[in-house]
Amino acid sequence: MALSNTAVPKYYGAFREAVMRGEIPICREIEMEMHRIDDMIANPGLYYDDKAIDGFIEYCENELTLTDGSPVHLLDTFKLWAESLFSWFYFVERSVYEPNPSGHGGRYVTKRIKKRLVNKQYLIVARGAAKSMYASFIQNYFLTIDTSTTHQITTAPTMKQAEEVMSPIRTALTVSRGPLYKFLTEGSLQNTTGAKSKRAKLVSTKKGIENFMTGSLLEIRPMNIAKLQGLRTKIATVDEWLSGETREDVIGAIEQGASKIDDYLIVAISSEGTVRNGIGDTIKMELMSILRGEYINPHVSIWYYKLDDIQEVSNPEMWVKAQPNIGKTVTYEVYQTDVERAEKAPAARNDILAKRFGIPMEGYTYFFAYEDTIKHRFREYWRLPCAMGADLSRGDDFCAFVFLFPLADGSFGIKSRNYISSLTYNKLQQALYIKYQDFIKEGSLVVMEGTILDLMVVYDDLDRFIEQQQYDVCAFGYDPYNAKEFVERWCGENGQYGVEKVIQGAKTESVPLGELKKLAEERMLLFDEDVMSFAMGNCITIEDTNGNRKLLKQRYEQKIDPVAAMMDAFVAYKLHKEAFE
C-alpha cells in the first residue's frame, strides 16, 4: 500500500472494527482520540504509510529478544500506539541549495520534504501494561535503525524507574541474535579500541548505550529541568510523569531543545498519578482540550485509558477500559486481588484506583475532586450583593479575601483578592514563581513590598478594589487570627452589622465544608480564577473522633487560604441571608 492520503491505518482499522462490534469497551477519552484519527484519515493533506509501521514491527520481532530469551511478539496495543507515531506524514515545501553537477556553483530549488506528523505521544495507561517495554522498543529502534539519530534520553522520577527502559536494551546486547544485532554486537564488548572490524558497534558504556556507527548515545537523565534544558535530544522517553512529586514541566524542557531538530520525538508514558496541582494536572487539561477539539494539534498522539466511572471498578468487563493489555501482561486475578484490597485497606484505595483503573486520585484524602477544581468561564458581578471572607496572614501564606455572590439559581459566584510580600514572592521556586505570575496577571494576587504584610496597607488596597468593582458587601466572615486591627477598622468604617467571627476547627468547619463540597460537585461554585483552582486542589481534610472534618494542606507550598476565606464568607452569608433578599 505504502504512502496514501485515503487509506485507513491497518492496526487502527482493526481496533476500530472491534470497538464498533462491541468487543472492546473504551472510555470517553479513547473515543475522542478515535474521532481525531478519523479526522486525520479524512484530511487530504495527511498521508499514511503502512511500510513505516510494518518496518518497526519487523525490526522488533526479528531482532529483539525478551529478557527470558523468548522471542518478541508485539502486543496489538503496541502496534496501535506505534502506528500513530511512525505511519503518519505530511509534506512541506522548502528551498534547498542544490550544487551543480560540475561542482561549481549551484542554485536554490523548491522541494517537497516528507515529515513525520507526530512528534509527541502521551500514553496514560494502568500499571502492568508493559508501557516501559514499549518505550524501550522505541528507543532501541532509533538507536540502531535511524542513522540520523544522535542524542537520546530517558527520564523518570527515580533512576530505578528510568532504568526500566534501559535494562531491556542492555539485555538485548547479549541475548538478541537478529542479523542486525549480531553485526552490531560482534567483537569486543569491553574494548572499543583497535581495528574497527573487531570492535563492537553497539555497546553499554558509562555514558549509557552507544552506537559507534551512527555516533548515537542513549542515556538516563534525572527528571530535573536543570538536567534537561538545553539538550538537542532527538528521541526522548519520559516515564511516570504523572506519578512523581515534580512540579516542573520536564516534557516542555525537553521539547524546548528538541524542537530545534527535524523529526524529534517525545514519548511520555505514565499510569495515573496521586499528586495534585502538579504539572501533570496542567498537561492533562491541555490534552483534554485537544481531545475535545477545542484546539487542533495533529502533532500530538494521545492514548488515555481510564474507567469512566468509579462504579465500573466492580465490573471486570469494564477493566479493559483502563488496562487494554489485561489478560496478556497482567491477569484478571491480580486486578481482583487489588479490588478486594482497596475495600479492606482504605490506605491503599487511592493508589489502587489511580494506578490500576486510571481514576485521578490523591495520595492523601483531598477534599475536592479533580473535576471540581476546573475553573468556569469568566463572569462579572457588577454591583451585586456579596459576602466577604477573610483569612489574614502577614507571613508566607496568602492574605486571602474571597467575595461570594449568591445567584438566583442557587449557585454562587466567586472572586478573590490575595496578597503576599515581595520577600515571599522572590523566594519561590521556579515552578511556583511561574504559577504565581499567572495569578498576578489575572488580578487575583497582589505582591506588596516588604518582608511582612502591613494589614493596613492591605486594607487600603482592598477598599479601593471593592470600590472599583462596585461590590456590595453585605456580610463579612473572618478567621480571628491576625484579624483584630483589620476588623476594628472595617467595623469603624462600615458598621458592625453582618460581621461574623468564624472559629477554625473541625467542629465548626465540618458543616460549611460539606455544603461547599456539594456545591463544587454540582459545579455551582462559579470561580473563574486560577488561584482558586490551585487552592481547591491543595485542600486535604482530617477527621476528629466524631467524623468532623478540618481543612489542611500537605505541604508548605500548597496554599489553601482562599478556600478558608471562601468558607468564612459562606458562614457569614448563611447567618445573614436576610441581607441578600
Protein backbone atom coordinates (compact mmCIF):
# COMPACT_ATOMS: atom_id res chain seq x y z
CA MET A 1 0.00 0.00 0.00
CA ALA A 2 2.75 2.44 1.03
CA LEU A 3 2.00 6.16 1.06
CA SER A 4 -1.66 7.13 0.78
CA ASN A 5 -3.86 10.05 1.79
CA THR A 6 -7.03 7.95 1.75
CA ALA A 7 -6.07 4.68 3.46
CA VAL A 8 -7.38 3.55 6.84
CA PRO A 9 -4.46 2.60 9.13
CA LYS A 10 -4.47 -1.19 9.33
CA TYR A 11 -3.99 -1.61 13.09
CA TYR A 12 -6.26 1.28 14.00
CA GLY A 13 -8.80 -0.05 11.50
CA ALA A 14 -8.84 -3.47 13.18
CA PHE A 15 -9.15 -1.82 16.60
CA ARG A 16 -11.99 0.42 15.40
CA GLU A 17 -13.94 -2.51 13.99
CA ALA A 18 -13.59 -4.41 17.27
CA VAL A 19 -14.86 -1.36 19.17
CA MET A 20 -17.79 -0.93 16.78
CA ARG A 21 -18.71 -4.61 17.24
CA GLY A 22 -18.75 -4.09 20.99
CA GLU A 23 -15.82 -6.44 21.58
CA ILE A 24 -13.63 -3.78 23.23
CA PRO A 25 -15.18 -1.34 25.73
CA ILE A 26 -13.49 2.07 25.62
CA CYS A 27 -13.56 5.19 27.76
CA ARG A 28 -14.62 8.63 26.55
CA GLU A 29 -11.01 9.76 26.14
CA ILE A 30 -10.14 6.88 23.79
CA GLU A 31 -13.35 7.53 21.86
CA MET A 32 -12.30 11.16 21.38
CA GLU A 33 -8.85 10.08 20.16
CA MET A 34 -10.55 7.79 17.64
CA HIS A 35 -12.52 10.77 16.34
CA ARG A 36 -9.22 12.62 15.91
CA ILE A 37 -7.75 9.72 13.92
CA ASP A 38 -10.90 9.55 11.77
CA ASP A 39 -10.41 13.26 11.01
CA MET A 40 -6.78 12.54 10.05
CA ILE A 41 -7.92 9.83 7.63
CA ALA A 42 -10.32 12.31 6.03
CA ASN A 43 -7.66 15.05 5.76
CA PRO A 44 -6.25 15.10 2.18
CA GLY A 45 -3.10 16.85 3.44
CA LEU A 46 -2.03 13.91 5.64
CA TYR A 47 -0.58 10.63 4.43
CA TYR A 48 -0.49 7.13 5.87
CA ASP A 49 2.42 4.76 5.17
CA ASP A 50 1.89 1.14 6.15
CA LYS A 51 5.52 0.27 5.38
CA ALA A 52 6.71 2.52 8.21
CA ILE A 53 4.80 0.69 10.97
CA ASP A 54 5.47 -2.71 9.41
CA GLY A 55 9.18 -1.93 9.38
CA PHE A 56 9.09 -1.17 13.11
CA ILE A 57 7.18 -4.36 13.86
CA GLU A 58 9.54 -6.50 11.77
CA TYR A 59 12.55 -4.98 13.48
CA CYS A 60 11.22 -5.69 16.98
CA GLU A 61 10.07 -9.23 16.20
CA ASN A 62 13.08 -10.26 14.11
CA GLU A 63 15.89 -8.56 16.03
CA LEU A 64 14.93 -8.40 19.68
CA THR A 65 14.55 -10.98 22.41
CA LEU A 66 12.74 -10.72 25.74
CA THR A 67 14.83 -10.85 28.90
CA ASP A 68 13.92 -14.50 29.44
CA GLY A 69 15.22 -15.40 25.98
CA SER A 70 11.81 -15.83 24.34
CA PRO A 71 11.03 -14.14 21.01
CA VAL A 72 9.23 -10.80 20.81
CA HIS A 73 5.64 -10.74 19.55
CA LEU A 74 4.35 -7.19 19.69
CA LEU A 75 1.07 -6.68 21.50
CA ASP A 76 -1.83 -5.28 19.46
CA THR A 77 -1.75 -2.19 21.67
CA PHE A 78 1.95 -1.63 20.90
CA LYS A 79 1.17 -1.82 17.17
CA LEU A 80 -1.72 0.61 17.63
CA TRP A 81 0.34 3.14 19.58
CA ALA A 82 3.41 2.83 17.33
CA GLU A 83 1.30 3.20 14.19
CA SER A 84 0.27 6.66 15.45
CA LEU A 85 3.96 7.58 15.70
CA PHE A 86 5.51 6.03 12.63
CA SER A 87 2.94 5.94 9.85
CA TRP A 88 1.51 9.45 9.53
CA PHE A 89 3.27 12.02 7.34
CA TYR A 90 2.80 15.39 5.73
CA PHE A 91 4.76 17.40 3.17
CA VAL A 92 6.29 20.85 3.41
CA GLU A 93 7.93 22.91 0.71
CA ARG A 94 11.46 24.08 1.37
CA SER A 95 14.06 26.00 -0.56
CA VAL A 96 17.09 23.71 -0.79
CA TYR A 97 20.52 24.57 -2.19
CA GLU A 98 21.46 22.15 -4.96
CA PRO A 99 25.08 22.22 -6.25
CA ASN A 100 25.70 21.96 -9.98
CA PRO A 101 26.90 18.57 -11.30
CA SER A 102 30.16 20.23 -12.31
CA GLY A 103 30.91 21.06 -8.73
CA HIS A 104 30.99 24.78 -9.49
CA GLY A 105 28.19 26.88 -8.11
CA GLY A 106 24.61 25.83 -7.63
CA ARG A 107 21.09 27.11 -7.14
CA TYR A 108 18.19 27.03 -4.72
CA VAL A 109 15.32 24.79 -5.73
CA THR A 110 11.94 24.23 -4.09
CA LYS A 111 11.43 20.67 -2.92
CA ARG A 112 8.63 18.84 -1.12
CA ILE A 113 10.00 17.37 2.09
CA LYS A 114 8.31 14.43 3.75
CA LYS A 115 7.98 14.85 7.52
CA ARG A 116 6.66 12.59 10.26
CA LEU A 117 3.45 14.09 11.60
CA VAL A 118 3.60 13.16 15.29
CA ASN A 119 6.42 14.45 17.48
CA LYS A 120 4.81 13.85 20.88
CA GLN A 121 2.87 10.90 22.22
CA TYR A 122 1.17 10.81 25.60
CA LEU A 123 0.33 7.35 26.85
CA ILE A 124 -1.63 7.20 30.13
CA VAL A 125 -2.42 3.58 30.95
CA ALA A 126 -2.79 1.46 34.06
CA ARG A 127 0.09 -0.22 35.84
CA GLY A 128 1.07 -3.57 34.34
CA ALA A 129 0.56 -2.64 30.66
CA ALA A 130 4.29 -3.12 29.84
CA LYS A 131 4.47 0.52 28.81
CA SER A 132 8.16 0.75 29.79
CA MET A 133 8.87 -2.12 27.38
CA TYR A 134 7.05 -0.18 24.67
CA ALA A 135 9.30 2.83 25.37
CA SER A 136 12.32 0.53 25.29
CA PHE A 137 11.36 -0.76 21.83
CA ILE A 138 11.01 2.84 20.57
CA GLN A 139 14.43 3.82 21.93
CA ASN A 140 16.02 0.62 20.60
CA TYR A 141 14.65 1.18 17.11
CA PHE A 142 16.01 4.68 16.73
CA LEU A 143 19.33 3.76 18.33
CA THR A 144 20.01 1.09 15.72
CA ILE A 145 17.91 1.87 12.61
CA ASP A 146 17.76 5.65 12.25
CA THR A 147 21.21 6.76 11.16
CA SER A 148 20.35 10.44 11.74
CA THR A 149 19.71 9.91 15.44
CA THR A 150 22.39 11.30 17.73
CA HIS A 151 21.23 12.04 21.27
CA GLN A 152 18.52 10.03 23.03
CA ILE A 153 17.44 10.26 26.65
CA THR A 154 15.10 8.50 29.03
CA THR A 155 13.99 10.05 32.29
CA ALA A 156 11.73 9.19 35.21
CA PRO A 157 11.12 10.39 38.79
CA THR A 158 13.75 7.92 40.00
CA MET A 159 16.81 6.46 38.32
CA LYS A 160 15.41 2.98 39.03
CA GLN A 161 12.29 3.77 37.02
CA ALA A 162 14.36 5.23 34.18
CA GLU A 163 16.50 2.10 34.13
CA GLU A 164 13.35 0.08 33.27
CA VAL A 165 13.66 1.47 29.75
CA MET A 166 17.41 0.88 29.54
CA SER A 167 17.50 -2.61 31.04
CA PRO A 168 15.81 -4.47 28.14
CA ILE A 169 18.22 -2.81 25.72
CA ARG A 170 21.21 -3.84 27.80
CA THR A 171 19.80 -7.37 27.81
CA ALA A 172 19.35 -7.25 24.05
CA LEU A 173 23.05 -6.54 23.68
CA THR A 174 23.82 -10.03 24.97
CA VAL A 175 20.83 -12.19 24.04
CA SER A 176 19.39 -10.77 20.81
CA ARG A 177 20.68 -12.55 17.76
CA GLY A 178 18.87 -10.96 14.84
CA PRO A 179 21.16 -10.25 11.84
CA LEU A 180 21.49 -6.53 12.59
CA TYR A 181 22.06 -7.04 16.31
CA LYS A 182 24.56 -9.78 15.62
CA PHE A 183 26.52 -7.43 13.37
CA LEU A 184 26.37 -4.53 15.84
CA THR A 185 27.39 -6.53 18.90
CA GLU A 186 30.03 -8.84 17.48
CA GLY A 187 33.55 -8.04 18.56
CA SER A 188 34.85 -6.86 21.90
CA LEU A 189 32.26 -5.63 24.36
CA GLN A 190 34.86 -4.39 26.83
CA ASN A 191 37.10 -2.51 24.45
CA THR A 192 36.18 -0.24 21.60
CA THR A 193 39.75 0.42 20.51
CA GLY A 194 41.84 -1.42 17.93
CA ALA A 195 40.75 -2.45 14.44
CA LYS A 196 37.24 -1.23 13.67
CA SER A 197 36.25 -4.61 12.27
CA LYS A 198 36.91 -6.18 15.68
CA ARG A 199 35.07 -3.59 17.71
CA ALA A 200 31.55 -3.89 19.00
CA LYS A 201 29.44 -1.17 17.37
CA LEU A 202 26.62 -1.14 19.93
CA VAL A 203 27.95 -1.07 23.49
CA SER A 204 26.78 -0.36 27.03
CA THR A 205 29.22 2.20 28.46
CA LYS A 206 29.47 4.50 31.47
CA LYS A 207 27.64 7.18 29.45
CA GLY A 208 24.74 4.89 28.55
CA ILE A 209 24.30 2.81 25.39
CA GLU A 210 26.34 3.98 22.42
CA ASN A 211 26.14 3.18 18.72
CA PHE A 212 29.62 3.90 17.38
CA MET A 213 28.48 3.53 13.77
CA THR A 214 25.99 6.39 13.97
CA GLY A 215 27.50 8.33 16.87
CA SER A 216 24.24 7.93 18.79
CA LEU A 217 24.01 7.89 22.57
CA LEU A 218 21.09 6.79 24.75
CA GLU A 219 21.46 7.94 28.34
CA ILE A 220 19.50 8.26 31.55
CA ARG A 221 18.83 11.79 32.76
CA PRO A 222 17.32 12.80 36.12
CA MET A 223 13.79 14.22 35.97
CA ASN A 224 15.02 17.72 36.66
CA ILE A 225 14.71 20.78 34.45
CA ALA A 226 18.28 21.83 35.15
CA LYS A 227 19.49 18.48 33.76
CA LEU A 228 17.17 18.52 30.73
CA GLN A 229 17.22 22.09 29.43
CA GLY A 230 19.43 22.97 26.51
CA LEU A 231 19.71 19.42 25.14
CA ARG A 232 19.22 18.78 21.44
CA THR A 233 17.52 15.46 22.00
CA LYS A 234 16.03 13.72 19.00
CA ILE A 235 14.35 10.87 20.88
CA ALA A 236 13.17 11.11 24.49
CA THR A 237 11.03 8.89 26.68
CA VAL A 238 9.56 10.26 29.90
CA ASP A 239 8.35 7.61 32.34
CA GLU A 240 5.79 8.10 35.13
CA TRP A 241 5.46 11.83 34.61
CA LEU A 242 2.13 11.77 36.47
CA SER A 243 3.39 9.75 39.38
CA GLY A 244 6.31 11.81 40.67
CA GLU A 245 6.36 14.77 43.01
CA THR A 246 7.93 17.02 40.39
CA ARG A 247 6.21 20.34 39.81
CA GLU A 248 8.37 21.21 36.83
CA ASP A 249 7.40 20.80 33.18
CA VAL A 250 10.14 18.37 32.23
CA ILE A 251 8.40 17.48 28.96
CA GLY A 252 8.34 21.15 27.99
CA ALA A 253 12.01 21.49 28.95
CA ILE A 254 12.94 18.56 26.69
CA GLU A 255 10.83 19.85 23.82
CA GLN A 256 12.42 23.30 24.02
CA GLY A 257 15.75 21.87 22.90
CA ALA A 258 14.38 19.04 20.76
CA SER A 259 12.23 21.36 18.65
CA LYS A 260 15.43 22.69 17.01
CA ILE A 261 15.84 19.25 15.38
CA ASP A 262 13.81 17.86 12.50
CA ASP A 263 11.56 14.90 13.31
CA TYR A 264 12.20 14.84 17.05
CA LEU A 265 10.05 12.53 19.12
CA ILE A 266 8.97 12.60 22.77
CA VAL A 267 7.06 9.63 24.20
CA ALA A 268 5.60 10.39 27.64
CA ILE A 269 4.24 7.30 29.40
CA SER A 270 2.64 7.00 32.81
CA SER A 271 -0.02 5.48 34.95
CA GLU A 272 -2.42 7.93 36.61
CA GLY A 273 -0.88 9.86 39.47
CA THR A 274 -1.69 10.64 43.07
CA VAL A 275 -0.18 14.15 43.11
CA ARG A 276 -2.40 17.22 42.78
CA ASN A 277 -1.73 20.64 41.36
CA GLY A 278 1.44 19.44 39.73
CA ILE A 279 2.40 19.94 36.13
CA GLY A 280 0.67 16.63 35.38
CA ASP A 281 -2.78 18.13 36.01
CA THR A 282 -1.91 21.09 33.78
CA ILE A 283 -0.78 18.82 30.94
CA LYS A 284 -3.87 16.62 31.27
CA MET A 285 -6.11 19.67 30.96
CA GLU A 286 -4.27 20.65 27.77
CA LEU A 287 -4.62 17.10 26.41
CA MET A 288 -8.35 17.12 27.17
CA SER A 289 -8.67 20.40 25.25
CA ILE A 290 -7.05 18.72 22.24
CA LEU A 291 -9.24 15.63 22.58
CA ARG A 292 -12.40 17.74 22.79
CA GLY A 293 -11.36 19.63 19.67
CA GLU A 294 -11.08 22.97 21.45
CA TYR A 295 -7.87 23.44 19.54
CA ILE A 296 -6.26 21.35 16.81
CA ASN A 297 -2.82 19.81 17.24
CA PRO A 298 -2.22 16.89 14.84
CA HIS A 299 1.38 16.58 16.06
CA VAL A 300 0.27 15.04 19.36
CA SER A 301 -0.90 11.46 19.83
CA ILE A 302 -2.98 10.80 22.97
CA TRP A 303 -3.91 7.38 24.34
CA TYR A 304 -5.61 8.00 27.68
CA TYR A 305 -7.03 4.82 29.22
CA LYS A 306 -9.28 5.02 32.28
CA LEU A 307 -12.61 3.98 33.71
CA ASP A 308 -15.43 6.41 33.01
CA ASP A 309 -16.92 6.00 36.46
CA ILE A 310 -15.72 4.67 39.79
CA GLN A 311 -18.72 2.30 39.81
CA GLU A 312 -17.06 0.37 36.96
CA VAL A 313 -14.41 -0.88 39.39
CA SER A 314 -16.85 -3.61 40.41
CA ASN A 315 -17.38 -4.77 36.79
CA PRO A 316 -14.47 -6.87 35.41
CA GLU A 317 -15.81 -6.44 31.86
CA MET A 318 -15.00 -2.73 32.10
CA TRP A 319 -11.45 -3.09 33.37
CA VAL A 320 -10.10 -3.21 29.82
CA LYS A 321 -11.01 0.49 29.53
CA ALA A 322 -8.14 1.28 31.90
CA GLN A 323 -5.92 -1.73 31.16
CA PRO A 324 -6.04 -2.65 27.45
CA ASN A 325 -3.47 -5.44 27.98
CA ILE A 326 -5.37 -7.21 30.75
CA GLY A 327 -5.15 -10.95 30.31
CA LYS A 328 -1.83 -10.53 28.48
CA THR A 329 0.65 -8.55 30.60
CA VAL A 330 -1.38 -8.61 33.80
CA THR A 331 -4.02 -11.09 34.94
CA TYR A 332 -7.63 -10.58 35.99
CA GLU A 333 -6.67 -12.30 39.25
CA VAL A 334 -4.20 -9.52 40.06
CA TYR A 335 -6.90 -6.93 39.44
CA GLN A 336 -9.45 -8.78 41.55
CA THR A 337 -6.95 -9.01 44.41
CA ASP A 338 -6.37 -5.26 44.25
CA VAL A 339 -10.12 -4.55 44.22
CA GLU A 340 -10.53 -6.62 47.38
CA ARG A 341 -7.50 -4.92 48.92
CA ALA A 342 -8.95 -1.47 48.18
CA GLU A 343 -12.14 -2.43 50.00
CA LYS A 344 -10.34 -3.81 53.07
CA ALA A 345 -7.41 -1.36 53.25
CA PRO A 346 -8.58 2.25 52.82
CA ALA A 347 -4.98 3.47 52.98
CA ALA A 348 -4.24 1.68 49.70
CA ARG A 349 -7.50 2.63 47.98
CA ASN A 350 -6.41 5.85 46.29
CA ASP A 351 -3.23 4.31 44.90
CA ILE A 352 -5.12 1.29 43.50
CA LEU A 353 -7.87 3.39 41.93
CA ALA A 354 -5.28 5.64 40.28
CA LYS A 355 -2.70 3.06 39.21
CA ARG A 356 -4.99 0.17 38.24
CA PHE A 357 -8.09 1.98 36.99
CA GLY A 358 -6.87 5.39 35.81
CA ILE A 359 -9.16 7.29 38.17
CA PRO A 360 -7.44 10.53 39.24
CA MET A 361 -6.88 10.19 42.96
CA GLU A 362 -4.53 11.53 45.55
CA GLY A 363 -2.04 10.04 47.89
CA TYR A 364 -3.96 11.77 50.65
CA THR A 365 -7.65 12.38 51.16
CA TYR A 366 -8.08 15.50 49.08
CA PHE A 367 -11.26 17.36 49.73
CA PHE A 368 -12.26 18.41 46.23
CA ALA A 369 -12.27 16.05 43.28
CA TYR A 370 -10.12 16.97 40.30
CA GLU A 371 -13.19 17.86 38.20
CA ASP A 372 -14.39 20.21 40.94
CA THR A 373 -11.24 22.33 40.66
CA ILE A 374 -11.59 23.15 36.94
CA LYS A 375 -12.41 26.83 36.66
CA HIS A 376 -15.53 28.18 34.97
CA ARG A 377 -15.90 30.82 32.27
CA PHE A 378 -15.18 34.41 33.18
CA ARG A 379 -18.03 36.33 34.80
CA GLU A 380 -18.51 39.77 36.31
CA TYR A 381 -20.69 40.63 39.32
CA TRP A 382 -21.11 44.37 38.97
CA ARG A 383 -22.93 45.91 41.97
CA LEU A 384 -24.24 42.55 43.17
CA PRO A 385 -24.56 41.84 46.90
CA CYS A 386 -21.90 39.53 48.30
CA ALA A 387 -20.43 38.07 51.45
CA MET A 388 -16.72 38.64 52.02
CA GLY A 389 -14.48 36.13 53.76
CA ALA A 390 -11.01 36.82 55.13
CA ASP A 391 -8.11 34.60 56.11
CA LEU A 392 -5.40 37.02 57.17
CA SER A 393 -1.68 36.40 57.15
CA ARG A 394 1.36 38.63 57.48
CA GLY A 395 3.92 35.99 56.54
CA ASP A 396 4.39 33.32 53.90
CA ASP A 397 0.75 32.32 53.44
CA PHE A 398 -1.75 34.24 51.32
CA CYS A 399 -3.61 37.05 52.98
CA ALA A 400 -6.82 35.97 51.31
CA PHE A 401 -10.17 37.67 50.68
CA VAL A 402 -12.99 35.94 48.84
CA PHE A 403 -16.24 37.52 47.63
CA LEU A 404 -19.20 35.14 47.43
CA PHE A 405 -22.19 36.24 45.32
CA PRO A 406 -25.49 34.36 45.86
CA LEU A 407 -27.20 33.95 42.47
CA ALA A 408 -30.85 33.34 41.61
CA ASP A 409 -30.37 29.72 40.53
CA GLY A 410 -28.79 28.69 43.85
CA SER A 411 -25.21 28.89 42.60
CA PHE A 412 -22.53 31.23 43.94
CA GLY A 413 -20.19 33.49 42.04
CA ILE A 414 -16.66 33.55 43.44
CA LYS A 415 -14.00 36.26 43.17
CA SER A 416 -10.85 36.67 45.24
CA ARG A 417 -8.12 39.12 46.14
CA ASN A 418 -4.92 37.73 47.68
CA TYR A 419 -1.75 39.35 49.00
CA ILE A 420 1.84 38.23 49.65
CA SER A 421 5.04 40.09 50.49
CA SER A 422 7.79 40.65 47.93
CA LEU A 423 10.14 38.66 50.18
CA THR A 424 7.86 35.61 49.95
CA TYR A 425 7.42 36.07 46.21
CA ASN A 426 11.13 36.35 45.49
CA LYS A 427 11.90 33.17 47.46
CA LEU A 428 9.59 31.00 45.34
CA GLN A 429 10.91 28.01 43.40
CA GLN A 430 10.77 28.39 39.63
CA ALA A 431 7.63 26.32 39.02
CA LEU A 432 5.66 28.17 41.71
CA TYR A 433 7.09 31.52 40.58
CA ILE A 434 5.67 30.94 37.10
CA LYS A 435 2.31 29.87 38.57
CA TYR A 436 2.18 32.95 40.81
CA GLN A 437 2.90 35.14 37.79
CA ASP A 438 -0.30 33.78 36.25
CA PHE A 439 -2.19 34.73 39.42
CA ILE A 440 -0.76 38.24 39.25
CA LYS A 441 -1.75 38.60 35.57
CA GLU A 442 -5.34 37.58 36.27
CA GLY A 443 -5.52 40.13 39.11
CA SER A 444 -6.15 37.64 41.91
CA LEU A 445 -2.74 38.09 43.57
CA VAL A 446 -1.04 41.31 44.66
CA VAL A 447 2.62 41.43 45.69
CA MET A 448 3.40 44.11 48.26
CA GLU A 449 6.88 45.40 49.00
CA GLY A 450 8.49 44.33 52.24
CA THR A 451 9.31 41.35 54.41
CA ILE A 452 5.88 41.10 56.04
CA LEU A 453 2.45 42.40 55.08
CA ASP A 454 1.18 45.62 56.63
CA LEU A 455 -2.53 44.81 57.05
CA MET A 456 -3.49 48.48 56.98
CA VAL A 457 -1.85 48.83 53.57
CA VAL A 458 -3.69 45.67 52.54
CA TYR A 459 -6.92 47.25 53.84
CA ASP A 460 -6.37 50.36 51.70
CA ASP A 461 -5.80 48.31 48.56
CA LEU A 462 -8.77 46.04 49.24
CA ASP A 463 -11.01 49.05 49.89
CA ARG A 464 -10.01 50.55 46.53
CA PHE A 465 -10.59 47.19 44.83
CA ILE A 466 -14.10 46.85 46.28
CA GLU A 467 -14.91 50.40 45.20
CA GLN A 468 -13.56 49.82 41.67
CA GLN A 469 -15.52 46.57 41.27
CA GLN A 470 -18.64 48.10 42.87
CA TYR A 471 -19.12 45.04 45.10
CA ASP A 472 -21.95 45.39 47.65
CA VAL A 473 -20.52 43.64 50.75
CA CYS A 474 -23.50 42.69 52.94
CA ALA A 475 -21.73 40.25 55.28
CA PHE A 476 -18.16 39.68 56.42
CA GLY A 477 -16.80 36.44 57.92
CA TYR A 478 -13.25 36.23 59.23
CA ASP A 479 -10.79 33.96 60.96
CA PRO A 480 -9.86 35.89 64.15
CA TYR A 481 -6.15 35.03 63.87
CA ASN A 482 -4.23 38.24 62.96
CA ALA A 483 -7.55 39.98 62.31
CA LYS A 484 -8.09 42.34 65.30
CA GLU A 485 -6.75 45.57 63.77
CA PHE A 486 -8.27 44.88 60.35
CA VAL A 487 -11.74 44.05 61.71
CA GLU A 488 -11.81 47.04 64.06
CA ARG A 489 -11.12 49.38 61.15
CA TRP A 490 -13.74 47.62 58.98
CA CYS A 491 -16.39 47.93 61.69
CA GLY A 492 -15.43 51.55 62.28
CA GLU A 493 -15.90 52.44 58.62
CA ASN A 494 -18.74 50.07 57.62
CA GLY A 495 -20.58 49.25 60.83
CA GLN A 496 -20.77 46.00 62.78
CA TYR A 497 -23.82 44.51 61.07
CA GLY A 498 -23.08 41.25 59.25
CA VAL A 499 -19.58 40.87 60.71
CA GLU A 500 -19.02 37.33 61.98
CA LYS A 501 -16.06 35.68 63.67
CA VAL A 502 -15.57 32.16 62.25
CA ILE A 503 -13.68 29.96 64.67
CA GLN A 504 -11.40 27.44 62.94
CA GLY A 505 -11.64 23.80 63.93
CA ALA A 506 -13.20 20.50 62.93
CA LYS A 507 -16.37 21.12 64.97
CA THR A 508 -17.14 24.46 63.29
CA GLU A 509 -15.71 23.80 59.82
CA SER A 510 -17.27 20.44 59.03
CA VAL A 511 -20.82 21.54 58.13
CA PRO A 512 -19.97 24.51 55.86
CA LEU A 513 -17.19 22.49 54.23
CA GLY A 514 -19.62 19.69 53.45
CA GLU A 515 -22.04 22.17 51.86
CA LEU A 516 -19.28 23.77 49.80
CA LYS A 517 -18.12 20.37 48.61
CA LYS A 518 -21.63 19.50 47.43
CA LEU A 519 -21.87 22.84 45.61
CA ALA A 520 -18.49 22.20 43.96
CA GLU A 521 -19.55 18.71 42.87
CA GLU A 522 -22.67 20.20 41.26
CA ARG A 523 -20.49 22.86 39.58
CA MET A 524 -22.35 25.63 41.42
CA LEU A 525 -19.25 27.41 42.78
CA LEU A 526 -18.61 29.66 39.80
CA PHE A 527 -14.95 30.60 40.22
CA ASP A 528 -13.01 31.78 37.15
CA GLU A 529 -9.54 32.35 38.65
CA ASP A 530 -6.55 30.03 38.51
CA VAL A 531 -5.70 30.88 42.10
CA MET A 532 -8.97 29.32 43.30
CA SER A 533 -8.36 26.16 41.23
CA PHE A 534 -4.90 26.00 42.79
CA ALA A 535 -6.16 26.42 46.35
CA MET A 536 -9.07 23.97 46.00
CA GLY A 537 -6.72 21.37 44.56
CA ASN A 538 -4.46 21.70 47.61
CA CYS A 539 -7.11 21.07 50.25
CA ILE A 540 -6.94 17.89 52.29
CA THR A 541 -9.02 17.10 55.36
CA ILE A 542 -8.60 15.30 58.65
CA GLU A 543 -11.42 13.96 60.78
CA ASP A 544 -11.85 14.02 64.54
CA THR A 545 -13.33 11.13 66.52
CA ASN A 546 -16.84 12.39 65.73
CA GLY A 547 -16.27 12.45 61.99
CA ASN A 548 -15.96 16.23 61.77
CA ARG A 549 -13.59 17.49 59.07
CA LYS A 550 -10.98 20.24 59.16
CA LEU A 551 -9.08 21.77 56.25
CA LEU A 552 -5.34 21.22 56.00
CA LYS A 553 -2.57 21.35 53.43
CA GLN A 554 0.00 18.60 52.98
CA ARG A 555 2.99 20.77 52.08
CA TYR A 556 4.08 24.32 52.76
CA GLU A 557 3.73 25.46 49.14
CA GLN A 558 0.18 24.10 48.85
CA LYS A 559 -1.75 27.26 49.77
CA ILE A 560 -5.37 26.80 50.84
CA ASP A 561 -6.07 30.29 52.23
CA PRO A 562 -8.58 31.31 49.50
CA VAL A 563 -10.67 28.23 50.32
CA ALA A 564 -10.58 29.08 54.03
CA ALA A 565 -11.70 32.62 53.16
CA MET A 566 -14.48 31.22 50.95
CA MET A 567 -15.70 29.13 53.88
CA ASP A 568 -15.69 32.21 56.12
CA ALA A 569 -17.73 34.11 53.53
CA PHE A 570 -20.18 31.20 53.24
CA VAL A 571 -20.70 31.07 57.01
CA ALA A 572 -21.35 34.82 57.12
CA TYR A 573 -23.80 34.54 54.23
CA LYS A 574 -25.79 31.76 55.91
CA LEU A 575 -26.03 33.77 59.14
CA HIS A 576 -27.29 36.86 57.30
CA LYS A 577 -29.40 35.55 54.43
CA GLU A 578 -31.96 38.23 55.09
CA ALA A 579 -29.48 40.86 53.87
CA PHE A 580 -29.46 39.23 50.43
CA GLU A 581 -33.23 39.00 49.94
